[in-house]
Amino acid sequence: MSLLLTAAQTVGPFVSIGFEKASVPDVAPVGVAGERVVITGKIVDGDGLPVTDAVIETWQANSYGKYAHPDDAQEKLLEDNFKGFGRVLTDAQGGFRLTTIKPGKVAGPAGKQQAPHITVVIFMRGLLKQLMTRIYFPDEAANAADPVLNLVPAPRRATLIATRSAEGTLQWNVYLQGTNETVFFDY
């Protein structure tokens, strides 16, 4: 018997049905230490049209710089109700919203400190492999020395840094292609 390679499959077109009940829009419930933030944004395709069936997953450290994961052996405080994980779906306009806290700095390559950031993974119809990127915080002095952010050419770094909106939320949009294409990382 010989095994044949089967065709690759994308996630969809009914991606939201599988993830709807598993949505986690509040990464850090009220009572978790840290600066509370609301992040809103949208995902648009190469034609500027909203992506209405994407799933955005986020992973982050808490405000002390510790992940809610057994492999994080740092002797830093970890509150019981801090998840560190979020999952939201885009709406009919390609928009999303999640609430969390600003994470602390974490160790990066060669032990260098990374600026506060949130790791983002995007799943959607038409993708054979999920997209990985990051959200950095505006007006963060540590961004200048972040070893990962500094791998990105200076003119493209802005695609990874959220902006403050008039409503007081952080705005971070994902552009899948085009002039303002968001930086995505290989892994």
N, C-alpha and C. Protein backbone atom coordinates (compact mmCIF):
# COMPACT_ATOMS: atom_id res chain seq x y z
N MET A 1 0.84 -1.17 0.00
CA MET A 1 0.00 0.00 0.00
C MET A 1 0.89 1.24 0.00
N SER A 2 0.57 2.18 -0.84
CA SER A 2 1.33 3.43 -0.85
C SER A 2 0.44 4.57 -0.38
N LEU A 3 1.04 5.51 0.28
CA LEU A 3 0.31 6.66 0.78
C LEU A 3 0.48 7.82 -0.18
N LEU A 4 -0.60 8.47 -0.49
CA LEU A 4 -0.57 9.60 -1.40
C LEU A 4 -0.76 10.90 -0.63
N LEU A 5 -0.11 11.92 -1.09
CA LEU A 5 -0.26 13.24 -0.51
C LEU A 5 -1.63 13.79 -0.87
N THR A 6 -2.36 14.26 0.12
CA THR A 6 -3.68 14.85 -0.15
C THR A 6 -3.55 16.36 -0.29
N ALA A 7 -4.55 16.95 -0.88
CA ALA A 7 -4.54 18.40 -1.09
C ALA A 7 -4.60 19.14 0.25
N ALA A 8 -3.94 20.27 0.31
CA ALA A 8 -3.99 21.10 1.51
C ALA A 8 -5.38 21.71 1.64
N GLN A 9 -5.81 21.92 2.86
CA GLN A 9 -7.13 22.49 3.11
C GLN A 9 -6.98 23.81 3.86
N THR A 10 -7.84 24.74 3.56
CA THR A 10 -7.85 26.00 4.30
C THR A 10 -8.87 25.88 5.43
N VAL A 11 -8.92 26.92 6.26
CA VAL A 11 -9.82 26.92 7.40
C VAL A 11 -11.19 27.37 6.94
N GLY A 12 -12.08 27.18 6.53
CA GLY A 12 -13.32 27.87 6.21
C GLY A 12 -14.11 27.09 5.22
N PRO A 13 -15.17 27.58 4.72
CA PRO A 13 -15.64 28.95 4.89
C PRO A 13 -16.44 29.19 6.16
N PHE A 14 -16.55 28.18 7.01
CA PHE A 14 -17.39 28.33 8.20
C PHE A 14 -16.56 28.41 9.48
N VAL A 15 -15.47 29.13 9.41
CA VAL A 15 -14.53 29.20 10.53
C VAL A 15 -15.20 29.75 11.79
N SER A 16 -16.08 30.70 11.67
CA SER A 16 -16.69 31.30 12.86
C SER A 16 -17.56 30.31 13.62
N ILE A 17 -18.18 29.37 12.94
CA ILE A 17 -19.05 28.41 13.62
C ILE A 17 -18.25 27.59 14.63
N GLY A 18 -17.08 27.15 14.25
CA GLY A 18 -16.26 26.35 15.14
C GLY A 18 -15.66 27.11 16.30
N PHE A 19 -15.47 28.41 16.14
CA PHE A 19 -14.81 29.20 17.18
C PHE A 19 -15.75 30.07 18.01
N GLU A 20 -16.99 30.22 17.58
CA GLU A 20 -17.91 31.14 18.24
C GLU A 20 -18.03 30.89 19.74
N LYS A 21 -18.22 29.64 20.13
CA LYS A 21 -18.39 29.30 21.54
C LYS A 21 -17.08 29.32 22.31
N ALA A 22 -15.96 29.34 21.60
CA ALA A 22 -14.65 29.32 22.24
C ALA A 22 -14.02 30.71 22.27
N SER A 23 -14.83 31.73 22.10
CA SER A 23 -14.32 33.11 22.11
C SER A 23 -13.89 33.51 23.52
N VAL A 24 -12.75 34.21 23.61
CA VAL A 24 -12.22 34.69 24.89
C VAL A 24 -11.83 36.16 24.69
N PRO A 25 -12.83 37.07 24.76
CA PRO A 25 -12.54 38.48 24.48
C PRO A 25 -11.90 39.24 25.64
N ASP A 26 -11.90 38.65 26.84
CA ASP A 26 -11.34 39.31 28.02
C ASP A 26 -10.14 38.51 28.51
N VAL A 27 -8.94 38.95 28.12
CA VAL A 27 -7.71 38.23 28.45
C VAL A 27 -7.35 38.36 29.93
N ALA A 28 -7.65 39.52 30.50
CA ALA A 28 -7.30 39.79 31.90
C ALA A 28 -8.54 40.35 32.59
N PRO A 29 -9.27 39.52 33.31
CA PRO A 29 -10.48 39.99 33.97
C PRO A 29 -10.20 41.11 34.96
N VAL A 30 -11.24 41.84 35.31
CA VAL A 30 -11.12 42.91 36.31
C VAL A 30 -10.51 42.31 37.57
N GLY A 31 -9.58 43.03 38.16
CA GLY A 31 -8.89 42.56 39.36
C GLY A 31 -7.47 42.11 39.09
N VAL A 32 -7.15 41.81 37.85
CA VAL A 32 -5.78 41.44 37.50
C VAL A 32 -4.95 42.72 37.47
N ALA A 33 -3.76 42.67 38.06
CA ALA A 33 -2.89 43.85 38.13
C ALA A 33 -2.44 44.29 36.75
N GLY A 34 -2.33 45.60 36.58
CA GLY A 34 -1.81 46.14 35.33
C GLY A 34 -2.70 47.21 34.74
N GLU A 35 -2.14 47.91 33.77
CA GLU A 35 -2.88 48.96 33.07
C GLU A 35 -3.88 48.32 32.11
N ARG A 36 -5.16 48.55 32.35
CA ARG A 36 -6.21 47.96 31.51
C ARG A 36 -6.23 48.64 30.15
N VAL A 37 -6.35 47.85 29.09
CA VAL A 37 -6.42 48.38 27.74
C VAL A 37 -7.51 47.65 26.95
N VAL A 38 -8.11 48.38 26.05
CA VAL A 38 -9.05 47.82 25.09
C VAL A 38 -8.42 48.00 23.73
N ILE A 39 -8.31 46.91 22.99
CA ILE A 39 -7.72 46.95 21.66
C ILE A 39 -8.83 46.67 20.65
N THR A 40 -9.00 47.61 19.73
CA THR A 40 -9.97 47.44 18.65
C THR A 40 -9.22 47.52 17.34
N GLY A 41 -9.80 46.95 16.33
CA GLY A 41 -9.17 47.02 15.02
C GLY A 41 -10.02 46.34 13.98
N LYS A 42 -9.43 46.19 12.82
CA LYS A 42 -10.12 45.51 11.72
C LYS A 42 -9.08 44.77 10.90
N ILE A 43 -9.56 43.79 10.16
CA ILE A 43 -8.71 43.06 9.24
C ILE A 43 -9.27 43.30 7.85
N VAL A 44 -8.39 43.74 6.94
CA VAL A 44 -8.82 43.99 5.57
C VAL A 44 -7.92 43.22 4.60
N ASP A 45 -8.50 42.84 3.48
CA ASP A 45 -7.75 42.09 2.47
C ASP A 45 -7.00 43.03 1.53
N GLY A 46 -6.38 42.47 0.52
CA GLY A 46 -5.59 43.24 -0.43
C GLY A 46 -6.39 44.25 -1.23
N ASP A 47 -7.71 44.06 -1.33
CA ASP A 47 -8.57 45.01 -2.04
C ASP A 47 -9.17 46.05 -1.09
N GLY A 48 -8.78 46.00 0.18
CA GLY A 48 -9.32 46.94 1.16
C GLY A 48 -10.69 46.54 1.70
N LEU A 49 -11.11 45.31 1.41
CA LEU A 49 -12.41 44.83 1.87
C LEU A 49 -12.27 44.16 3.23
N PRO A 50 -13.29 44.27 4.08
CA PRO A 50 -13.21 43.64 5.41
C PRO A 50 -13.18 42.12 5.32
N VAL A 51 -12.39 41.51 6.20
CA VAL A 51 -12.35 40.06 6.31
C VAL A 51 -13.32 39.71 7.43
N THR A 52 -14.43 39.10 7.06
CA THR A 52 -15.52 38.90 8.01
C THR A 52 -15.50 37.54 8.70
N ASP A 53 -14.52 36.72 8.41
CA ASP A 53 -14.50 35.37 8.99
C ASP A 53 -13.12 35.00 9.55
N ALA A 54 -12.45 35.97 10.14
CA ALA A 54 -11.13 35.69 10.71
C ALA A 54 -11.24 35.43 12.21
N VAL A 55 -10.30 34.68 12.72
CA VAL A 55 -10.16 34.43 14.15
C VAL A 55 -8.81 35.01 14.56
N ILE A 56 -8.81 35.82 15.61
CA ILE A 56 -7.59 36.43 16.13
C ILE A 56 -7.32 35.81 17.50
N GLU A 57 -6.19 35.14 17.64
CA GLU A 57 -5.79 34.61 18.93
C GLU A 57 -4.61 35.41 19.44
N THR A 58 -4.60 35.69 20.74
CA THR A 58 -3.52 36.46 21.34
C THR A 58 -2.91 35.69 22.51
N TRP A 59 -1.61 35.89 22.68
CA TRP A 59 -0.87 35.33 23.82
C TRP A 59 -0.02 36.45 24.39
N GLN A 60 0.03 36.54 25.70
CA GLN A 60 0.82 37.61 26.31
C GLN A 60 1.21 37.27 27.74
N ALA A 61 2.22 37.98 28.22
CA ALA A 61 2.63 37.89 29.62
C ALA A 61 1.73 38.80 30.45
N ASN A 62 1.77 38.62 31.76
CA ASN A 62 1.03 39.53 32.64
C ASN A 62 1.84 40.81 32.86
N SER A 63 1.35 41.68 33.70
CA SER A 63 2.03 42.96 33.91
C SER A 63 3.39 42.81 34.58
N TYR A 64 3.66 41.66 35.16
CA TYR A 64 4.96 41.40 35.79
C TYR A 64 5.95 40.75 34.81
N GLY A 65 5.48 40.43 33.61
CA GLY A 65 6.35 39.80 32.62
C GLY A 65 6.39 38.29 32.73
N LYS A 66 5.33 37.68 33.27
CA LYS A 66 5.27 36.21 33.40
C LYS A 66 4.09 35.68 32.59
N TYR A 67 4.35 34.57 31.88
CA TYR A 67 3.30 33.92 31.09
C TYR A 67 2.54 32.92 31.96
N ALA A 68 1.27 32.74 31.69
CA ALA A 68 0.44 31.75 32.38
C ALA A 68 0.64 30.40 31.68
N HIS A 69 1.85 29.90 31.76
CA HIS A 69 2.21 28.65 31.09
C HIS A 69 3.21 27.91 31.97
N PRO A 70 3.08 26.60 32.09
CA PRO A 70 3.99 25.84 32.97
C PRO A 70 5.47 25.94 32.60
N ASP A 71 5.78 26.26 31.35
CA ASP A 71 7.18 26.38 30.95
C ASP A 71 7.82 27.69 31.40
N ASP A 72 7.00 28.64 31.87
CA ASP A 72 7.56 29.90 32.37
C ASP A 72 7.89 29.70 33.85
N ALA A 73 9.16 29.42 34.11
CA ALA A 73 9.61 29.10 35.47
C ALA A 73 10.11 30.33 36.24
N GLN A 74 9.92 31.51 35.69
CA GLN A 74 10.36 32.72 36.37
C GLN A 74 9.68 32.85 37.74
N GLU A 75 10.42 33.37 38.69
CA GLU A 75 9.85 33.58 40.01
C GLU A 75 9.21 34.96 40.07
N LYS A 76 8.17 35.12 39.28
CA LYS A 76 7.39 36.35 39.24
C LYS A 76 5.96 36.01 39.58
N LEU A 77 5.23 36.98 40.08
CA LEU A 77 3.85 36.78 40.48
C LEU A 77 2.97 36.41 39.29
N LEU A 78 2.08 35.45 39.48
CA LEU A 78 1.09 35.08 38.48
C LEU A 78 -0.25 34.93 39.17
N GLU A 79 -1.16 35.82 38.86
CA GLU A 79 -2.49 35.78 39.47
C GLU A 79 -3.30 34.64 38.89
N ASP A 80 -4.09 33.99 39.73
CA ASP A 80 -4.85 32.81 39.32
C ASP A 80 -5.81 33.06 38.17
N ASN A 81 -6.42 34.25 38.11
CA ASN A 81 -7.43 34.50 37.08
C ASN A 81 -6.87 35.15 35.81
N PHE A 82 -5.54 35.28 35.71
CA PHE A 82 -4.93 35.80 34.48
C PHE A 82 -4.80 34.67 33.49
N LYS A 83 -5.43 34.82 32.32
CA LYS A 83 -5.39 33.78 31.29
C LYS A 83 -4.18 33.91 30.38
N GLY A 84 -3.92 35.13 29.93
CA GLY A 84 -2.83 35.36 28.99
C GLY A 84 -3.17 34.96 27.57
N PHE A 85 -4.38 34.46 27.37
CA PHE A 85 -4.83 33.99 26.06
C PHE A 85 -6.16 34.64 25.73
N GLY A 86 -6.28 35.08 24.48
CA GLY A 86 -7.55 35.63 24.02
C GLY A 86 -7.90 35.09 22.65
N ARG A 87 -9.19 35.10 22.35
CA ARG A 87 -9.62 34.68 21.01
C ARG A 87 -10.88 35.48 20.67
N VAL A 88 -10.82 36.22 19.57
CA VAL A 88 -11.97 36.98 19.10
C VAL A 88 -12.16 36.74 17.62
N LEU A 89 -13.38 36.94 17.17
CA LEU A 89 -13.72 36.77 15.77
C LEU A 89 -14.02 38.14 15.17
N THR A 90 -13.77 38.28 13.89
CA THR A 90 -14.12 39.52 13.22
C THR A 90 -15.62 39.55 12.96
N ASP A 91 -16.16 40.78 12.91
CA ASP A 91 -17.59 40.95 12.66
C ASP A 91 -17.84 41.24 11.17
N ALA A 92 -19.03 41.66 10.84
CA ALA A 92 -19.42 41.90 9.45
C ALA A 92 -18.64 43.03 8.79
N GLN A 93 -17.97 43.88 9.58
CA GLN A 93 -17.14 44.95 9.04
C GLN A 93 -15.65 44.63 9.15
N GLY A 94 -15.33 43.39 9.54
CA GLY A 94 -13.94 42.98 9.71
C GLY A 94 -13.34 43.44 11.02
N GLY A 95 -14.19 43.97 11.91
CA GLY A 95 -13.72 44.52 13.18
C GLY A 95 -13.60 43.50 14.29
N PHE A 96 -12.79 43.84 15.29
CA PHE A 96 -12.64 42.99 16.47
C PHE A 96 -12.37 43.88 17.67
N ARG A 97 -12.54 43.30 18.86
CA ARG A 97 -12.32 44.03 20.12
C ARG A 97 -11.92 43.03 21.20
N LEU A 98 -10.87 43.36 21.95
CA LEU A 98 -10.51 42.55 23.10
C LEU A 98 -10.04 43.44 24.23
N THR A 99 -10.20 42.97 25.44
CA THR A 99 -9.76 43.72 26.62
C THR A 99 -8.66 42.92 27.31
N THR A 100 -7.68 43.64 27.83
CA THR A 100 -6.55 42.98 28.48
C THR A 100 -5.84 43.99 29.37
N ILE A 101 -4.63 43.67 29.74
CA ILE A 101 -3.74 44.59 30.45
C ILE A 101 -2.46 44.71 29.63
N LYS A 102 -1.76 45.81 29.82
CA LYS A 102 -0.47 45.96 29.15
C LYS A 102 0.51 44.99 29.80
N PRO A 103 1.12 44.11 29.00
CA PRO A 103 2.05 43.14 29.58
C PRO A 103 3.37 43.79 30.00
N GLY A 104 4.08 43.09 30.86
CA GLY A 104 5.40 43.54 31.25
C GLY A 104 6.44 43.09 30.24
N LYS A 105 7.67 43.50 30.45
CA LYS A 105 8.77 43.09 29.57
C LYS A 105 9.09 41.62 29.83
N VAL A 106 9.50 40.93 28.77
CA VAL A 106 9.90 39.53 28.89
C VAL A 106 11.26 39.34 28.22
N ALA A 107 11.95 38.28 28.63
CA ALA A 107 13.25 37.98 28.03
C ALA A 107 13.07 37.52 26.59
N GLY A 108 13.99 37.93 25.75
CA GLY A 108 13.94 37.57 24.34
C GLY A 108 15.21 36.86 23.92
N PRO A 109 15.51 36.92 22.62
CA PRO A 109 16.72 36.28 22.11
C PRO A 109 17.97 36.76 22.86
N ALA A 110 18.83 35.83 23.19
CA ALA A 110 20.09 36.10 23.90
C ALA A 110 19.84 36.81 25.23
N GLY A 111 18.65 36.61 25.82
CA GLY A 111 18.35 37.20 27.12
C GLY A 111 18.02 38.68 27.10
N LYS A 112 17.99 39.30 25.92
CA LYS A 112 17.65 40.72 25.83
C LYS A 112 16.19 40.93 26.15
N GLN A 113 15.89 42.00 26.86
CA GLN A 113 14.50 42.31 27.21
C GLN A 113 13.71 42.75 25.99
N GLN A 114 12.51 42.21 25.86
CA GLN A 114 11.60 42.61 24.80
C GLN A 114 10.62 43.64 25.36
N ALA A 115 10.24 44.57 24.53
CA ALA A 115 9.25 45.57 24.93
C ALA A 115 7.91 44.87 25.18
N PRO A 116 7.05 45.48 25.97
CA PRO A 116 5.71 44.90 26.14
C PRO A 116 5.05 44.69 24.77
N HIS A 117 4.53 43.50 24.56
CA HIS A 117 3.90 43.18 23.28
C HIS A 117 2.90 42.05 23.48
N ILE A 118 2.05 41.88 22.50
CA ILE A 118 1.09 40.79 22.47
C ILE A 118 1.34 40.01 21.18
N THR A 119 1.49 38.71 21.30
CA THR A 119 1.65 37.86 20.13
C THR A 119 0.26 37.58 19.55
N VAL A 120 0.15 37.69 18.23
CA VAL A 120 -1.13 37.53 17.55
C VAL A 120 -1.01 36.46 16.47
N VAL A 121 -1.99 35.57 16.44
CA VAL A 121 -2.09 34.55 15.39
C VAL A 121 -3.45 34.74 14.73
N ILE A 122 -3.47 34.75 13.39
CA ILE A 122 -4.70 34.97 12.64
C ILE A 122 -5.00 33.74 11.78
N PHE A 123 -6.22 33.24 11.91
CA PHE A 123 -6.73 32.15 11.08
C PHE A 123 -7.87 32.72 10.25
N MET A 124 -7.99 32.28 9.02
CA MET A 124 -9.11 32.72 8.19
C MET A 124 -9.21 31.86 6.94
N ARG A 125 -10.37 31.96 6.32
CA ARG A 125 -10.61 31.23 5.08
C ARG A 125 -9.57 31.65 4.04
N GLY A 126 -9.06 30.70 3.32
CA GLY A 126 -8.11 30.99 2.26
C GLY A 126 -6.66 30.87 2.67
N LEU A 127 -6.39 30.74 3.96
CA LEU A 127 -5.01 30.60 4.42
C LEU A 127 -4.67 29.13 4.63
N LEU A 128 -3.56 28.69 4.08
CA LEU A 128 -3.10 27.34 4.34
C LEU A 128 -2.32 27.27 5.64
N LYS A 129 -1.78 28.38 6.05
CA LYS A 129 -1.00 28.47 7.28
C LYS A 129 -1.39 29.77 7.97
N GLN A 130 -1.58 29.70 9.26
CA GLN A 130 -1.96 30.90 10.01
C GLN A 130 -0.88 31.97 9.92
N LEU A 131 -1.28 33.21 10.17
CA LEU A 131 -0.34 34.34 10.16
C LEU A 131 0.04 34.69 11.59
N MET A 132 1.31 35.00 11.81
CA MET A 132 1.77 35.38 13.14
C MET A 132 2.36 36.79 13.09
N THR A 133 1.96 37.61 14.05
CA THR A 133 2.46 38.97 14.13
C THR A 133 2.45 39.41 15.59
N ARG A 134 2.64 40.68 15.83
CA ARG A 134 2.67 41.21 17.19
C ARG A 134 1.99 42.57 17.24
N ILE A 135 1.52 42.90 18.44
CA ILE A 135 1.04 44.25 18.74
C ILE A 135 2.00 44.84 19.78
N TYR A 136 2.58 45.97 19.44
CA TYR A 136 3.40 46.73 20.38
C TYR A 136 2.61 47.96 20.83
N PHE A 137 3.02 48.56 21.92
CA PHE A 137 2.29 49.67 22.51
C PHE A 137 2.90 51.01 22.12
N PRO A 138 2.03 52.00 21.86
CA PRO A 138 2.53 53.32 21.46
C PRO A 138 3.24 54.00 22.63
N ASP A 139 4.13 54.91 22.31
CA ASP A 139 4.84 55.70 23.33
C ASP A 139 5.57 54.83 24.34
N GLU A 140 6.02 53.67 23.94
CA GLU A 140 6.75 52.76 24.83
C GLU A 140 8.24 52.90 24.55
N ALA A 141 8.97 53.40 25.53
CA ALA A 141 10.41 53.63 25.36
C ALA A 141 11.17 52.35 25.01
N ALA A 142 10.72 51.22 25.55
CA ALA A 142 11.41 49.96 25.32
C ALA A 142 11.30 49.47 23.86
N ASN A 143 10.39 50.04 23.07
CA ASN A 143 10.28 49.64 21.65
C ASN A 143 11.60 49.88 20.91
N ALA A 144 12.31 50.93 21.27
CA ALA A 144 13.55 51.29 20.56
C ALA A 144 14.62 50.20 20.65
N ALA A 145 14.61 49.43 21.75
CA ALA A 145 15.64 48.41 21.94
C ALA A 145 15.10 46.99 21.78
N ASP A 146 13.85 46.83 21.42
CA ASP A 146 13.28 45.49 21.31
C ASP A 146 13.99 44.70 20.20
N PRO A 147 14.54 43.51 20.53
CA PRO A 147 15.33 42.77 19.53
C PRO A 147 14.50 42.25 18.36
N VAL A 148 13.22 41.97 18.56
CA VAL A 148 12.38 41.48 17.46
C VAL A 148 11.91 42.65 16.60
N LEU A 149 11.44 43.71 17.24
CA LEU A 149 10.98 44.87 16.49
C LEU A 149 12.11 45.46 15.65
N ASN A 150 13.33 45.39 16.15
CA ASN A 150 14.47 45.93 15.41
C ASN A 150 14.89 45.07 14.22
N LEU A 151 14.33 43.87 14.09
CA LEU A 151 14.56 43.06 12.89
C LEU A 151 13.73 43.55 11.71
N VAL A 152 12.70 44.34 12.02
CA VAL A 152 11.78 44.85 11.00
C VAL A 152 12.35 46.16 10.44
N PRO A 153 12.37 46.34 9.12
CA PRO A 153 12.83 47.61 8.57
C PRO A 153 12.05 48.79 9.17
N ALA A 154 12.75 49.85 9.51
CA ALA A 154 12.16 51.00 10.21
C ALA A 154 10.85 51.50 9.60
N PRO A 155 10.74 51.64 8.27
CA PRO A 155 9.48 52.15 7.72
C PRO A 155 8.27 51.22 7.93
N ARG A 156 8.52 49.94 8.21
CA ARG A 156 7.42 48.97 8.37
C ARG A 156 7.03 48.72 9.82
N ARG A 157 7.82 49.22 10.76
CA ARG A 157 7.55 48.96 12.18
C ARG A 157 6.20 49.50 12.63
N ALA A 158 5.75 50.57 12.03
CA ALA A 158 4.48 51.18 12.43
C ALA A 158 3.31 50.22 12.27
N THR A 159 3.43 49.21 11.39
CA THR A 159 2.34 48.26 11.21
C THR A 159 2.16 47.36 12.43
N LEU A 160 3.14 47.35 13.31
CA LEU A 160 3.09 46.52 14.52
C LEU A 160 2.74 47.32 15.77
N ILE A 161 2.73 48.63 15.67
CA ILE A 161 2.51 49.48 16.86
C ILE A 161 1.10 50.05 16.82
N ALA A 162 0.33 49.75 17.86
CA ALA A 162 -1.03 50.27 17.97
C ALA A 162 -0.99 51.79 18.12
N THR A 163 -2.10 52.43 17.82
CA THR A 163 -2.23 53.88 18.01
C THR A 163 -3.36 54.14 19.01
N ARG A 164 -3.29 55.29 19.64
CA ARG A 164 -4.36 55.67 20.57
C ARG A 164 -5.50 56.32 19.79
N SER A 165 -6.71 55.88 20.06
CA SER A 165 -7.87 56.46 19.39
C SER A 165 -8.46 57.57 20.25
N ALA A 166 -9.33 58.35 19.67
CA ALA A 166 -9.98 59.43 20.39
C ALA A 166 -10.82 58.89 21.56
N GLU A 167 -11.30 57.67 21.45
CA GLU A 167 -12.14 57.08 22.50
C GLU A 167 -11.31 56.52 23.67
N GLY A 168 -9.99 56.56 23.55
CA GLY A 168 -9.14 56.06 24.62
C GLY A 168 -8.74 54.60 24.46
N THR A 169 -9.19 53.97 23.40
CA THR A 169 -8.78 52.58 23.14
C THR A 169 -7.50 52.59 22.31
N LEU A 170 -6.91 51.42 22.18
CA LEU A 170 -5.79 51.26 21.26
C LEU A 170 -6.36 50.71 19.96
N GLN A 171 -5.92 51.27 18.84
CA GLN A 171 -6.38 50.85 17.52
C GLN A 171 -5.24 50.13 16.84
N TRP A 172 -5.51 48.93 16.33
CA TRP A 172 -4.49 48.16 15.61
C TRP A 172 -5.18 47.41 14.48
N ASN A 173 -4.88 47.79 13.26
CA ASN A 173 -5.49 47.19 12.09
C ASN A 173 -4.52 46.25 11.40
N VAL A 174 -5.08 45.23 10.77
CA VAL A 174 -4.29 44.25 10.03
C VAL A 174 -4.61 44.40 8.55
N TYR A 175 -3.57 44.66 7.77
CA TYR A 175 -3.70 44.75 6.33
C TYR A 175 -2.98 43.54 5.75
N LEU A 176 -3.73 42.67 5.08
CA LEU A 176 -3.17 41.41 4.60
C LEU A 176 -2.25 41.58 3.41
N GLN A 177 -2.46 42.64 2.62
CA GLN A 177 -1.61 42.91 1.46
C GLN A 177 -1.65 44.40 1.19
N GLY A 178 -0.78 44.84 0.29
CA GLY A 178 -0.83 46.22 -0.16
C GLY A 178 0.21 47.11 0.49
N THR A 179 0.04 48.40 0.27
CA THR A 179 1.00 49.41 0.72
C THR A 179 1.25 49.36 2.22
N ASN A 180 0.20 49.22 3.01
CA ASN A 180 0.34 49.21 4.47
C ASN A 180 0.33 47.80 5.06
N GLU A 181 0.75 46.81 4.25
CA GLU A 181 0.70 45.43 4.71
C GLU A 181 1.35 45.26 6.08
N THR A 182 0.64 44.59 6.97
CA THR A 182 1.15 44.30 8.30
C THR A 182 2.35 43.37 8.20
N VAL A 183 3.32 43.54 9.07
CA VAL A 183 4.47 42.65 9.11
C VAL A 183 4.02 41.33 9.75
N PHE A 184 4.31 40.22 9.06
CA PHE A 184 4.02 38.89 9.58
C PHE A 184 5.35 38.17 9.73
N PHE A 185 5.44 37.31 10.74
CA PHE A 185 6.68 36.62 11.06
C PHE A 185 6.63 35.16 10.63
N ASP A 186 7.77 34.64 10.16
CA ASP A 186 7.92 33.21 9.89
C ASP A 186 8.29 32.54 11.21
N TYR A 187 7.89 31.31 11.35
CA TYR A 187 8.24 30.56 12.56
C TYR A 187 8.39 29.11 12.23
